[in-house]
Amino acid sequence: MANTSVNNKRIAKNTLLLYVRTLFIMLVTLYTSRVVLNTLGVTDYGIYNVVGGVVAMFSVISGSLSSSISRFITYEIGHGDFEKLKRIFSASVNIQIGISLVILVLAELFGVWFLNTKMNIPAERLSAANWVLQCSLLSFIINLISVPYNACIIAHERMSAFAYISILEAVLKLAVVYMLLISPYDKLVTYAILLVLVSLIVRLTYSQYCKRHFEESRYKFVYDKPLVKKMTSFAGWSFFGNGAYMLNVQGVDMLINIFFGVTLNAARGVATQVQNAVMQFVNNFTVAVNPQITKSYAAGEMSYMYRLVCRGARFSYFLLLIFVVPLVCEADYVLRLWLKIVPEHAPAFLRLSLFGTLMTLLGNSMQTAVSATGNIKRYQLWITLVGCLVFPLTWVAFELGFPPEGTYVIYIVIYFLLNFIRLYIAKGLLNFPARLYLTDVMLRVVAVSVISFILPLLFIHNVEQGFLRLCGTCVISLLSTGFTIAVLGLEISERKKIIGKIVSIILKNKK
């Protein structure tokens, strides 16, 4: 395996490539979300989010298999068995086709029944909602079959291809917005159909790229019963963890729809759009670092893997915190500036969802390390048992008359506790040094988070809301968060490397 310095440089290069892609995609996403909300209206926008969520609930099945496929492909590249890698890819395609058929049947039976009998949808929009359900299901299946190809690109760390194809997808979505504006037909139905076409084009692009660049991605029918059993067994335990997360996201969407109606689904959809746009920056780093965690485990480099897990958790948290501080302080004004129509509760949902995402990020790299072992039974059981509490506690809270924001508070508390459960299991499974994680990650992120908010909060409480205050908040937040991360969040060696890199860039530009 390549030495540590080369691996670190690869992570940095891949992260940079993905950031260029993300900046473009984020701008496109924020623009298209605004236009789609204004064109569809709050009711139809809420319908699209909640009905699409019915289909997304079935990703509890597909997501489990997808994580299994990614793990096996990445592990085998690190292990170096090319013949087995080819069998794994072909078996992955077979599995995804099979699970697509299962999901199609389940969605047609359960999804259609639930939509038409249980969901809180205006009667005059029920027909359009059924169109959305069918189109969302088709897009979901197309994306599902793309998973082995996406996994190959990420496992081979070809982030330039991943970036270019993602940019293509963003451009296609811009075209969708234009066609939506000029369409004389039902806007909601038109939007759903056009997104299916986008999914199909992206799917074909991924498969063609992989077939040209990765020999193992040339599909041949393979029936390797022991391999399929091993992959599905891994996926079976992943199912529980993914099930908990889906229940906590899409399940809560259903509860909000039943208790509060589609208007609050629109508010949650707006908050999710901003959250996802910001998360793209963090995902770039995790997409770049996760293959290295799996490969370092496969090569037996445990000390390096421990450091990667801690850095992955800490750096991804800090990357999101840079955006969280100004967004939390200026959520009301940012949403008003971005949207013509701001659904009620959207600012509060945005603030709380960002804090919830910070809690989730702390455990992602640890989860990758545990998954690399392939022994995830105990891990998934505990994560599922505790993680699933969000849904029933939210149900009870809504029955008792708590406001919709209550579900976010429950999520934040539960997922904060889950990080300590992950650490306990990783200590037993990987001999992971708990003290290293507590001191290098937890203590640092708590200290940086608390101190980073002080100056921005003082500023907004003493300056009248407006565009100038927004600019000032962004500058102060960046300086406050950046300085605190540099002083309290980074190790001495990391700080020296970053300063050295900045100095070399400055000197290079002067020449």
Protein backbone atom coordinates (compact mmCIF):
# COMPACT_ATOMS: atom_id res chain seq x y z
CA MET A 1 0.00 0.00 0.00
CA ALA A 2 1.18 3.52 -0.70
CA ASN A 3 2.86 5.34 2.14
CA THR A 4 1.02 7.68 4.47
CA SER A 5 2.27 10.87 2.78
CA VAL A 6 1.00 9.75 -0.64
CA ASN A 7 -2.37 8.75 0.85
CA ASN A 8 -2.74 12.12 2.57
CA LYS A 9 -1.93 13.93 -0.67
CA ARG A 10 -4.50 11.82 -2.52
CA ILE A 11 -7.15 12.67 0.07
CA ALA A 12 -6.32 16.39 -0.24
CA LYS A 13 -6.36 16.29 -4.06
CA ASN A 14 -9.64 14.39 -4.21
CA THR A 15 -11.23 16.70 -1.66
CA LEU A 16 -10.17 19.77 -3.69
CA LEU A 17 -11.63 18.31 -6.90
CA LEU A 18 -14.90 17.60 -5.14
CA TYR A 19 -15.04 21.11 -3.66
CA VAL A 20 -14.92 22.68 -7.13
CA ARG A 21 -17.81 20.44 -8.12
CA THR A 22 -19.70 21.24 -4.91
CA LEU A 23 -19.52 25.00 -5.22
CA PHE A 24 -21.21 24.81 -8.61
CA ILE A 25 -23.78 22.26 -7.47
CA MET A 26 -24.62 24.21 -4.32
CA LEU A 27 -25.34 27.37 -6.30
CA VAL A 28 -27.48 25.42 -8.77
CA THR A 29 -29.35 23.63 -5.97
CA LEU A 30 -30.15 26.82 -4.10
CA TYR A 31 -31.34 28.52 -7.29
CA THR A 32 -33.44 25.60 -8.52
CA SER A 33 -35.01 25.09 -5.06
CA ARG A 34 -36.13 28.70 -5.01
CA VAL A 35 -37.64 28.52 -8.50
CA VAL A 36 -39.30 25.16 -7.88
CA LEU A 37 -40.87 26.36 -4.61
CA ASN A 38 -42.15 29.55 -6.22
CA THR A 39 -43.44 27.70 -9.30
CA LEU A 40 -45.12 24.80 -7.50
CA GLY A 41 -46.31 26.76 -4.47
CA VAL A 42 -46.07 25.70 -0.83
CA THR A 43 -48.74 22.97 -1.08
CA ASP A 44 -47.36 21.18 -4.15
CA TYR A 45 -43.78 21.57 -2.88
CA GLY A 46 -44.82 19.95 0.39
CA ILE A 47 -46.60 17.15 -1.52
CA TYR A 48 -43.46 16.42 -3.58
CA ASN A 49 -41.29 16.21 -0.46
CA VAL A 50 -43.58 14.01 1.58
CA VAL A 51 -44.67 11.69 -1.27
CA GLY A 52 -41.07 11.31 -2.43
CA GLY A 53 -40.37 10.38 1.18
CA VAL A 54 -42.71 7.38 0.90
CA VAL A 55 -40.44 5.93 -1.80
CA ALA A 56 -37.31 7.00 0.06
CA MET A 57 -38.41 4.83 2.99
CA PHE A 58 -37.63 1.79 0.84
CA SER A 59 -34.00 2.89 0.74
CA VAL A 60 -33.77 1.15 4.11
CA ILE A 61 -33.43 -1.98 1.95
CA SER A 62 -31.37 -0.54 -0.90
CA GLY A 63 -29.14 1.53 1.36
CA SER A 64 -28.11 -1.56 3.29
CA LEU A 65 -27.06 -3.36 0.11
CA SER A 66 -25.39 -0.23 -1.27
CA SER A 67 -23.16 0.11 1.79
CA SER A 68 -22.35 -3.60 1.52
CA ILE A 69 -21.37 -3.24 -2.15
CA SER A 70 -19.19 -0.18 -1.50
CA ARG A 71 -17.45 -1.91 1.39
CA PHE A 72 -16.69 -5.12 -0.54
CA ILE A 73 -15.44 -3.32 -3.67
CA THR A 74 -13.22 -0.92 -1.70
CA TYR A 75 -11.87 -3.71 0.53
CA GLU A 76 -10.97 -5.92 -2.43
CA ILE A 77 -9.11 -3.05 -4.18
CA GLY A 78 -7.12 -2.56 -0.98
CA HIS A 79 -6.58 -6.32 -0.69
CA GLY A 80 -5.49 -6.66 -4.34
CA ASP A 81 -7.55 -9.68 -5.52
CA PHE A 82 -8.64 -8.56 -9.02
CA GLU A 83 -10.47 -11.76 -10.00
CA LYS A 84 -12.58 -11.63 -6.86
CA LEU A 85 -13.21 -7.92 -7.50
CA LYS A 86 -14.78 -8.76 -10.89
CA ARG A 87 -17.02 -11.37 -9.27
CA ILE A 88 -18.06 -8.91 -6.57
CA PHE A 89 -19.07 -6.27 -9.13
CA SER A 90 -21.17 -8.66 -11.22
CA ALA A 91 -22.78 -10.11 -8.10
CA SER A 92 -23.54 -6.55 -6.96
CA VAL A 93 -25.41 -5.77 -10.17
CA ASN A 94 -27.44 -8.99 -9.79
CA ILE A 95 -28.31 -8.10 -6.21
CA GLN A 96 -29.40 -4.57 -7.14
CA ILE A 97 -31.62 -5.79 -9.97
CA GLY A 98 -33.23 -8.32 -7.64
CA ILE A 99 -33.81 -5.81 -4.87
CA SER A 100 -35.25 -3.32 -7.41
CA LEU A 101 -37.97 -5.84 -8.27
CA VAL A 102 -38.72 -6.40 -4.58
CA ILE A 103 -38.98 -2.66 -3.91
CA LEU A 104 -41.18 -2.16 -6.98
CA VAL A 105 -43.70 -4.70 -5.69
CA LEU A 106 -43.62 -3.38 -2.10
CA ALA A 107 -43.98 0.24 -3.21
CA GLU A 108 -46.91 -0.54 -5.49
CA LEU A 109 -48.68 -2.46 -2.74
CA PHE A 110 -47.84 -0.43 0.36
CA GLY A 111 -46.97 3.00 -1.08
CA VAL A 112 -50.11 3.43 -3.16
CA TRP A 113 -52.32 2.27 -0.28
CA PHE A 114 -50.61 4.57 2.25
CA LEU A 115 -50.72 7.60 -0.07
CA ASN A 116 -54.41 7.27 -0.88
CA THR A 117 -55.74 6.29 2.55
CA LYS A 118 -53.46 7.63 5.29
CA MET A 119 -51.63 10.75 4.10
CA ASN A 120 -52.92 14.29 4.58
CA ILE A 121 -53.12 15.37 0.89
CA PRO A 122 -55.67 17.87 -0.51
CA ALA A 123 -58.28 15.87 -2.48
CA GLU A 124 -57.83 17.92 -5.65
CA ARG A 125 -54.08 17.12 -5.73
CA LEU A 126 -54.34 13.38 -5.03
CA SER A 127 -54.04 12.45 -8.72
CA ALA A 128 -50.86 14.53 -9.10
CA ALA A 129 -49.51 13.00 -5.89
CA ASN A 130 -49.93 9.52 -7.41
CA TRP A 131 -47.93 10.66 -10.46
CA VAL A 132 -45.20 11.86 -8.10
CA LEU A 133 -45.18 8.50 -6.32
CA GLN A 134 -44.75 6.52 -9.56
CA CYS A 135 -42.06 8.86 -10.94
CA SER A 136 -40.18 8.89 -7.63
CA LEU A 137 -40.26 5.09 -7.62
CA LEU A 138 -38.85 4.90 -11.15
CA SER A 139 -36.07 7.41 -10.34
CA PHE A 140 -35.27 5.46 -7.19
CA ILE A 141 -34.87 2.18 -9.08
CA ILE A 142 -32.69 3.82 -11.76
CA ASN A 143 -30.41 5.26 -9.06
CA LEU A 144 -30.35 1.92 -7.27
CA ILE A 145 -28.96 0.08 -10.30
CA SER A 146 -26.25 2.78 -10.58
CA VAL A 147 -24.83 1.98 -7.13
CA PRO A 148 -22.14 -0.57 -8.16
CA TYR A 149 -20.82 1.86 -10.80
CA ASN A 150 -20.71 4.77 -8.34
CA ALA A 151 -18.98 2.51 -5.81
CA CYS A 152 -16.27 1.65 -8.38
CA ILE A 153 -15.52 5.31 -9.09
CA ILE A 154 -15.27 6.20 -5.40
CA ALA A 155 -13.29 3.06 -4.49
CA HIS A 156 -10.77 3.81 -7.27
CA GLU A 157 -10.72 7.42 -6.00
CA ARG A 158 -11.47 8.85 -9.47
CA MET A 159 -13.01 11.96 -7.98
CA SER A 160 -12.59 14.02 -11.16
CA ALA A 161 -15.08 11.74 -12.96
CA PHE A 162 -17.40 11.82 -9.96
CA ALA A 163 -17.21 15.63 -10.01
CA TYR A 164 -17.85 16.02 -13.74
CA ILE A 165 -20.84 13.68 -13.76
CA SER A 166 -22.30 15.48 -10.75
CA ILE A 167 -21.90 18.80 -12.59
CA LEU A 168 -23.70 17.28 -15.58
CA GLU A 169 -26.55 16.31 -13.25
CA ALA A 170 -26.73 19.86 -11.89
CA VAL A 171 -26.86 21.33 -15.42
CA LEU A 172 -29.66 18.93 -16.33
CA LYS A 173 -31.61 20.05 -13.26
CA LEU A 174 -31.19 23.66 -14.40
CA ALA A 175 -32.75 22.61 -17.71
CA VAL A 176 -35.59 20.97 -15.75
CA VAL A 177 -36.32 24.27 -14.00
CA TYR A 178 -36.48 26.11 -17.32
CA MET A 179 -38.81 23.51 -18.83
CA LEU A 180 -40.96 23.63 -15.70
CA LEU A 181 -41.41 27.38 -16.09
CA ILE A 182 -42.58 27.12 -19.72
CA SER A 183 -44.63 23.92 -19.37
CA PRO A 184 -48.39 24.36 -20.00
CA TYR A 185 -49.15 21.11 -18.13
CA ASP A 186 -49.55 20.36 -14.43
CA LYS A 187 -46.33 21.71 -12.87
CA LEU A 188 -46.00 19.03 -10.18
CA VAL A 189 -46.46 16.14 -12.63
CA THR A 190 -44.10 17.76 -15.16
CA TYR A 191 -41.41 18.22 -12.51
CA ALA A 192 -41.63 14.57 -11.41
CA ILE A 193 -41.38 13.23 -14.99
CA LEU A 194 -38.42 15.45 -15.88
CA LEU A 195 -36.47 14.28 -12.83
CA VAL A 196 -36.91 10.68 -14.02
CA LEU A 197 -35.25 11.63 -17.32
CA VAL A 198 -32.36 13.27 -15.43
CA SER A 199 -31.83 10.09 -13.37
CA LEU A 200 -31.76 7.97 -16.53
CA ILE A 201 -29.19 10.16 -18.31
CA VAL A 202 -26.91 10.23 -15.23
CA ARG A 203 -27.23 6.46 -14.80
CA LEU A 204 -26.14 5.81 -18.41
CA THR A 205 -23.22 8.21 -18.04
CA TYR A 206 -21.91 6.44 -14.92
CA SER A 207 -22.11 3.00 -16.52
CA GLN A 208 -20.38 4.09 -19.75
CA TYR A 209 -17.51 5.73 -17.85
CA CYS A 210 -16.96 2.65 -15.68
CA LYS A 211 -17.04 0.25 -18.61
CA ARG A 212 -14.31 2.26 -20.34
CA HIS A 213 -12.00 2.72 -17.34
CA PHE A 214 -12.51 -0.23 -14.98
CA GLU A 215 -12.26 -3.74 -16.36
CA GLU A 216 -14.12 -5.24 -13.41
CA SER A 217 -17.23 -3.17 -14.24
CA ARG A 218 -17.91 -5.08 -17.46
CA TYR A 219 -20.87 -7.06 -16.28
CA LYS A 220 -21.05 -10.82 -16.71
CA PHE A 221 -23.71 -12.96 -15.14
CA VAL A 222 -22.20 -14.58 -12.05
CA TYR A 223 -23.90 -16.80 -9.51
CA ASP A 224 -21.50 -17.08 -6.61
CA LYS A 225 -23.73 -18.29 -3.78
CA PRO A 226 -21.14 -17.97 -0.93
CA LEU A 227 -20.23 -14.44 -2.07
CA VAL A 228 -23.86 -13.34 -2.41
CA LYS A 229 -24.62 -14.84 1.01
CA LYS A 230 -21.68 -12.98 2.56
CA MET A 231 -22.69 -9.66 0.97
CA THR A 232 -26.37 -9.99 1.86
CA SER A 233 -25.49 -11.07 5.40
CA PHE A 234 -23.46 -7.87 5.80
CA ALA A 235 -26.33 -5.92 4.24
CA GLY A 236 -28.81 -7.63 6.55
CA TRP A 237 -27.17 -6.11 9.61
CA SER A 238 -26.73 -2.76 7.86
CA PHE A 239 -30.49 -2.92 7.25
CA PHE A 240 -31.16 -2.30 10.94
CA GLY A 241 -29.01 0.84 11.15
CA ASN A 242 -30.36 2.23 7.90
CA GLY A 243 -33.87 1.37 9.03
CA ALA A 244 -33.46 3.46 12.16
CA TYR A 245 -32.20 6.43 10.16
CA MET A 246 -35.02 6.18 7.59
CA LEU A 247 -37.60 5.93 10.34
CA ASN A 248 -36.12 9.02 11.97
CA VAL A 249 -36.17 11.04 8.74
CA GLN A 250 -38.88 9.81 6.37
CA GLY A 251 -40.98 8.34 9.19
CA VAL A 252 -40.95 11.66 11.01
CA ASP A 253 -41.93 13.36 7.73
CA MET A 254 -45.04 11.18 7.72
CA LEU A 255 -45.82 12.09 11.35
CA ILE A 256 -45.44 15.79 10.56
CA ASN A 257 -47.79 15.34 7.59
CA ILE A 258 -50.41 13.54 9.69
CA PHE A 259 -50.27 15.95 12.65
CA PHE A 260 -49.56 19.28 10.90
CA GLY A 261 -50.23 18.94 7.13
CA VAL A 262 -48.27 19.52 3.91
CA THR A 263 -47.36 23.14 4.75
CA LEU A 264 -44.93 21.97 7.42
CA ASN A 265 -43.63 19.31 5.04
CA ALA A 266 -42.73 22.23 2.75
CA ALA A 267 -40.92 23.95 5.65
CA ARG A 268 -39.01 20.76 6.38
CA GLY A 269 -38.22 20.40 2.67
CA VAL A 270 -36.75 23.94 2.55
CA ALA A 271 -34.60 23.28 5.62
CA THR A 272 -33.42 19.99 4.11
CA GLN A 273 -32.44 21.68 0.83
CA VAL A 274 -30.17 24.15 2.62
CA GLN A 275 -28.81 21.42 4.89
CA ASN A 276 -28.03 19.16 1.90
CA ALA A 277 -26.38 22.00 -0.04
CA VAL A 278 -24.07 22.76 2.89
CA MET A 279 -23.46 19.07 3.56
CA GLN A 280 -22.06 18.67 0.03
CA PHE A 281 -18.88 20.36 1.24
CA VAL A 282 -18.52 17.93 4.12
CA ASN A 283 -19.44 14.91 2.00
CA ASN A 284 -16.58 15.74 -0.34
CA PHE A 285 -14.12 15.22 2.49
CA THR A 286 -15.77 12.02 3.77
CA VAL A 287 -16.02 10.57 0.23
CA ALA A 288 -12.28 11.19 -0.15
CA VAL A 289 -11.25 9.84 3.28
CA ASN A 290 -13.56 6.81 3.66
CA PRO A 291 -11.81 4.61 1.05
CA GLN A 292 -8.52 5.23 2.86
CA ILE A 293 -10.03 4.06 6.17
CA THR A 294 -11.23 0.81 4.60
CA LYS A 295 -7.98 0.23 2.67
CA SER A 296 -5.81 0.94 5.72
CA TYR A 297 -7.78 -1.68 7.67
CA ALA A 298 -7.44 -4.19 4.80
CA ALA A 299 -3.65 -3.58 4.80
CA GLY A 300 -3.41 -3.97 8.59
CA GLU A 301 -2.28 -0.37 9.19
CA MET A 302 -4.30 0.11 12.38
CA SER A 303 -2.49 3.12 13.86
CA TYR A 304 -2.94 5.03 10.61
CA MET A 305 -6.61 4.02 10.54
CA TYR A 306 -7.15 5.28 14.12
CA ARG A 307 -5.72 8.68 13.16
CA LEU A 308 -7.84 8.80 9.99
CA VAL A 309 -11.03 8.06 11.96
CA CYS A 310 -10.34 10.87 14.45
CA ARG A 311 -9.33 13.34 11.77
CA GLY A 312 -12.30 12.36 9.64
CA ALA A 313 -14.74 13.03 12.50
CA ARG A 314 -13.02 16.25 13.60
CA PHE A 315 -12.41 17.79 10.17
CA SER A 316 -15.88 16.97 8.82
CA TYR A 317 -17.41 18.54 11.95
CA PHE A 318 -15.29 21.69 11.57
CA LEU A 319 -16.08 21.99 7.86
CA LEU A 320 -19.80 22.01 8.62
CA LEU A 321 -19.39 24.30 11.63
CA ILE A 322 -17.95 27.02 9.37
CA PHE A 323 -21.36 27.14 7.64
CA VAL A 324 -23.48 26.40 10.71
CA VAL A 325 -22.42 29.45 12.73
CA PRO A 326 -23.56 32.16 10.23
CA LEU A 327 -26.63 30.17 9.11
CA VAL A 328 -27.86 29.67 12.67
CA CYS A 329 -27.36 33.37 13.42
CA GLU A 330 -29.03 34.62 10.22
CA ALA A 331 -31.49 31.82 9.30
CA ASP A 332 -34.54 34.12 9.09
CA TYR A 333 -32.89 36.69 6.84
CA VAL A 334 -31.09 34.11 4.66
CA LEU A 335 -34.36 32.29 3.91
CA ARG A 336 -36.17 35.56 3.15
CA LEU A 337 -33.34 36.63 0.86
CA TRP A 338 -33.28 33.25 -0.89
CA LEU A 339 -37.01 32.56 -1.21
CA LYS A 340 -39.99 34.69 -2.08
CA ILE A 341 -42.17 32.36 0.02
CA VAL A 342 -40.77 31.23 3.38
CA PRO A 343 -42.92 28.47 4.91
CA GLU A 344 -43.75 28.85 8.59
CA HIS A 345 -41.28 27.11 10.96
CA ALA A 346 -38.61 26.85 8.20
CA PRO A 347 -35.98 29.02 10.02
CA ALA A 348 -36.30 27.02 13.25
CA PHE A 349 -36.21 23.72 11.31
CA LEU A 350 -33.04 24.86 9.53
CA ARG A 351 -31.21 25.79 12.73
CA LEU A 352 -32.10 22.58 14.51
CA SER A 353 -31.43 20.33 11.50
CA LEU A 354 -27.90 21.75 11.22
CA PHE A 355 -27.20 20.95 14.88
CA GLY A 356 -28.57 17.45 14.32
CA THR A 357 -26.27 16.97 11.34
CA LEU A 358 -23.26 17.97 13.45
CA MET A 359 -24.13 15.18 15.89
CA THR A 360 -24.42 12.66 13.04
CA LEU A 361 -21.09 13.66 11.50
CA LEU A 362 -19.15 12.81 14.64
CA GLY A 363 -19.87 9.12 14.15
CA ASN A 364 -19.58 8.68 10.38
CA SER A 365 -15.87 7.87 10.16
CA MET A 366 -16.18 5.49 13.12
CA GLN A 367 -18.99 3.70 11.28
CA THR A 368 -16.74 3.32 8.20
CA ALA A 369 -14.02 1.74 10.35
CA VAL A 370 -16.46 -0.72 11.92
CA SER A 371 -17.94 -1.59 8.51
CA ALA A 372 -14.43 -2.30 7.18
CA THR A 373 -14.20 -5.29 9.56
CA GLY A 374 -17.34 -6.87 8.08
CA ASN A 375 -18.36 -7.82 11.66
CA ILE A 376 -21.19 -5.37 12.22
CA LYS A 377 -23.88 -7.47 13.97
CA ARG A 378 -23.41 -6.09 17.50
CA TYR A 379 -22.79 -2.57 16.22
CA GLN A 380 -25.98 -2.43 14.16
CA LEU A 381 -28.14 -3.94 16.89
CA TRP A 382 -27.16 -1.28 19.41
CA ILE A 383 -27.26 1.62 16.95
CA THR A 384 -30.72 0.53 15.78
CA LEU A 385 -32.18 -0.02 19.25
CA VAL A 386 -31.12 3.42 20.45
CA GLY A 387 -31.49 5.28 17.12
CA CYS A 388 -35.06 4.06 16.57
CA LEU A 389 -36.16 5.91 19.74
CA VAL A 390 -36.47 9.15 17.75
CA PHE A 391 -39.62 8.00 15.93
CA PRO A 392 -41.69 6.78 18.91
CA LEU A 393 -40.57 9.67 21.12
CA THR A 394 -41.59 12.11 18.38
CA TRP A 395 -44.98 10.40 18.06
CA VAL A 396 -45.52 10.68 21.83
CA ALA A 397 -44.37 14.33 21.81
CA PHE A 398 -46.83 15.24 19.03
CA GLU A 399 -49.67 13.38 20.79
CA LEU A 400 -48.92 15.40 23.94
CA GLY A 401 -49.14 18.66 21.98
CA PHE A 402 -45.46 19.54 21.60
CA PRO A 403 -44.56 21.79 18.63
CA PRO A 404 -43.00 20.27 15.46
CA GLU A 405 -39.54 21.53 16.49
CA GLY A 406 -39.60 18.94 19.28
CA THR A 407 -38.61 16.14 16.91
CA TYR A 408 -35.32 17.88 16.11
CA VAL A 409 -34.44 18.24 19.79
CA ILE A 410 -35.11 14.53 20.31
CA TYR A 411 -32.93 13.68 17.29
CA ILE A 412 -30.02 15.82 18.55
CA VAL A 413 -30.03 14.19 22.01
CA ILE A 414 -30.32 10.60 20.70
CA TYR A 415 -27.61 10.97 18.05
CA PHE A 416 -25.24 12.64 20.50
CA LEU A 417 -25.58 9.61 22.78
CA LEU A 418 -25.06 7.25 19.82
CA ASN A 419 -21.51 8.55 19.37
CA PHE A 420 -20.51 7.13 22.76
CA ILE A 421 -22.14 3.78 21.94
CA ARG A 422 -20.16 3.66 18.65
CA LEU A 423 -16.97 4.38 20.55
CA TYR A 424 -17.64 1.61 23.09
CA ILE A 425 -18.26 -0.97 20.33
CA ALA A 426 -15.26 0.16 18.25
CA LYS A 427 -13.04 -0.18 21.33
CA GLY A 428 -13.97 -3.85 21.63
CA LEU A 429 -14.00 -4.64 17.91
CA LEU A 430 -10.98 -2.66 16.69
CA ASN A 431 -9.14 -2.09 19.97
CA PHE A 432 -9.85 1.57 19.23
CA PRO A 433 -8.22 3.88 21.82
CA ALA A 434 -11.23 5.57 23.49
CA ARG A 435 -9.10 8.23 25.19
CA LEU A 436 -7.72 9.30 21.80
CA TYR A 437 -11.25 9.82 20.44
CA LEU A 438 -12.50 11.66 23.54
CA THR A 439 -9.54 14.05 23.72
CA ASP A 440 -8.78 14.43 20.01
CA VAL A 441 -12.39 14.71 18.82
CA MET A 442 -15.02 15.30 21.51
CA LEU A 443 -13.18 17.80 23.72
CA ARG A 444 -11.92 19.76 20.73
CA VAL A 445 -15.28 20.03 18.93
CA VAL A 446 -17.15 21.06 22.10
CA ALA A 447 -14.62 23.78 22.91
CA VAL A 448 -14.51 25.09 19.33
CA SER A 449 -18.32 25.07 19.00
CA VAL A 450 -18.99 27.05 22.17
CA ILE A 451 -16.32 29.71 21.58
CA SER A 452 -17.07 30.12 17.85
CA PHE A 453 -20.63 31.34 18.54
CA ILE A 454 -19.76 34.04 21.11
CA LEU A 455 -18.71 36.94 18.82
CA PRO A 456 -21.33 36.35 16.07
CA LEU A 457 -24.16 36.22 18.65
CA LEU A 458 -22.96 39.42 20.31
CA PHE A 459 -22.83 41.09 16.89
CA ILE A 460 -26.36 40.16 15.74
CA HIS A 461 -27.88 41.23 19.07
CA ASN A 462 -26.43 44.72 18.70
CA VAL A 463 -26.96 45.35 14.96
CA GLU A 464 -30.27 45.74 13.10
CA GLN A 465 -31.17 42.88 10.73
CA GLY A 466 -30.35 43.49 7.06
CA PHE A 467 -27.93 42.71 4.25
CA LEU A 468 -25.04 44.60 5.87
CA ARG A 469 -25.54 42.67 9.10
CA LEU A 470 -25.56 39.42 7.12
CA CYS A 471 -22.23 40.33 5.51
CA GLY A 472 -20.80 41.31 8.89
CA THR A 473 -22.04 38.10 10.49
CA CYS A 474 -20.43 35.99 7.76
CA VAL A 475 -17.06 37.74 8.14
CA ILE A 476 -17.09 37.63 11.95
CA SER A 477 -18.25 34.00 11.96
CA LEU A 478 -15.52 32.96 9.53
CA LEU A 479 -12.81 34.74 11.54
CA SER A 480 -14.12 33.52 14.89
CA THR A 481 -14.59 29.90 13.78
CA GLY A 482 -11.37 29.79 11.76
CA PHE A 483 -9.25 31.20 14.58
CA THR A 484 -10.82 28.90 17.18
CA ILE A 485 -10.32 25.83 14.97
CA ALA A 486 -6.69 26.78 14.36
CA VAL A 487 -5.95 27.32 18.08
CA LEU A 488 -8.11 24.64 19.76
CA GLY A 489 -9.24 22.30 16.99
CA LEU A 490 -5.99 21.32 15.29
CA GLU A 491 -2.99 19.36 16.52
CA ILE A 492 0.36 21.16 16.42
CA SER A 493 1.55 19.06 13.45
CA GLU A 494 -1.67 19.78 11.52
CA ARG A 495 -1.39 23.50 12.23
CA LYS A 496 2.23 23.56 11.00
CA LYS A 497 1.30 21.73 7.78
CA ILE A 498 -1.56 24.12 7.01
CA ILE A 499 0.54 27.23 7.74
CA GLY A 500 3.38 25.81 5.62
CA LYS A 501 0.98 25.13 2.76
CA ILE A 502 -0.44 28.67 2.90
CA VAL A 503 3.05 30.20 2.96
CA SER A 504 4.17 28.10 -0.02
CA ILE A 505 1.09 29.18 -2.02
CA ILE A 506 1.74 32.86 -1.20
CA LEU A 507 5.41 32.59 -2.18
CA LYS A 508 4.50 30.74 -5.37
CA ASN A 509 2.04 33.46 -6.39
CA LYS A 510 4.65 36.20 -5.79
CA LYS A 511 7.07 34.64 -8.27
